[in-house]
Amino acid sequence: MWTLLLWLNQKIVASYELLKSKYQAQKARRVMRRQMAMTRHLPAYLRRDMGLPPYTEREDTRSKDSQ
């Protein structure tokens, strides 16, 4: 009985950690997307000075300044 409870507890903890890591990745992605949306109208040199990357998060798309 105890082994079953321990096994089930391990599964619950593992799924919680997985969901937590996914949430943190999504939160970071949302923050980056919001920053890029707010600074999209700025010229590339200002975005560089602010420390923002000159590209979007998807590799197949590039911003209009990096063409």
Protein backbone atom coordinates (compact mmCIF):
# COMPACT_ATOMS: atom_id res chain seq x y z
CA MET A 1 0.00 0.00 0.00
CA TRP A 2 2.78 2.42 0.92
CA THR A 3 4.64 1.73 -2.28
CA LEU A 4 1.54 2.54 -4.29
CA LEU A 5 1.11 5.83 -2.42
CA LEU A 6 4.77 6.72 -2.86
CA TRP A 7 4.62 5.89 -6.56
CA LEU A 8 1.47 7.98 -6.99
CA ASN A 9 3.04 10.86 -5.06
CA GLN A 10 6.10 10.75 -7.34
CA LYS A 11 3.86 10.91 -10.40
CA ILE A 12 1.93 13.87 -8.99
CA VAL A 13 5.11 15.76 -8.07
CA ALA A 14 6.64 15.08 -11.49
CA SER A 15 3.54 16.31 -13.31
CA TYR A 16 3.44 19.41 -11.09
CA GLU A 17 7.08 20.21 -11.91
CA LEU A 18 6.40 19.72 -15.62
CA LEU A 19 3.40 22.05 -15.53
CA LYS A 20 5.38 24.59 -13.51
CA SER A 21 8.24 24.61 -16.02
CA LYS A 22 5.81 24.95 -18.94
CA TYR A 23 4.09 27.86 -17.20
CA GLN A 24 7.40 29.63 -16.59
CA ALA A 25 8.41 29.19 -20.24
CA GLN A 26 5.05 30.53 -21.42
CA LYS A 27 5.29 33.47 -19.03
CA ALA A 28 8.76 34.38 -20.32
CA ARG A 29 7.47 34.09 -23.89
CA ARG A 30 4.52 36.38 -23.10
CA VAL A 31 6.80 38.99 -21.51
CA MET A 32 9.15 38.93 -24.50
CA ARG A 33 6.23 39.14 -26.93
CA ARG A 34 4.78 42.10 -25.04
CA GLN A 35 8.14 43.90 -25.07
CA MET A 36 8.58 43.28 -28.78
CA ALA A 37 5.05 44.51 -29.50
CA MET A 38 5.56 47.69 -27.49
CA THR A 39 8.90 48.49 -29.14
CA ARG A 40 8.10 47.34 -32.68
CA HIS A 41 7.68 50.91 -33.91
CA LEU A 42 11.10 52.00 -32.61
CA PRO A 43 14.14 52.06 -34.90
CA ALA A 44 16.64 49.22 -34.68
CA TYR A 45 19.36 51.30 -33.00
CA LEU A 46 17.03 52.16 -30.10
CA ARG A 47 16.03 48.53 -29.65
CA ARG A 48 19.72 47.59 -29.63
CA ASP A 49 20.42 50.25 -26.99
CA MET A 50 17.57 48.90 -24.88
CA GLY A 51 19.06 45.41 -25.08
CA LEU A 52 16.23 43.89 -27.09
CA PRO A 53 17.03 41.33 -29.77
CA PRO A 54 16.62 42.45 -33.41
CA TYR A 55 14.52 39.39 -34.22
CA THR A 56 11.25 37.76 -33.25
CA GLU A 57 11.03 34.57 -31.22
CA ARG A 58 10.30 32.48 -34.30
CA GLU A 59 13.37 31.66 -36.37
CA ASP A 60 11.62 31.76 -39.75
CA THR A 61 10.50 35.39 -39.38
CA ARG A 62 12.67 38.46 -39.08
CA SER A 63 11.88 42.04 -38.24
CA LYS A 64 11.67 44.62 -40.99
CA ASP A 65 14.96 46.26 -39.87
CA SER A 66 17.08 43.12 -40.17
CA GLN A 67 16.36 42.49 -43.86
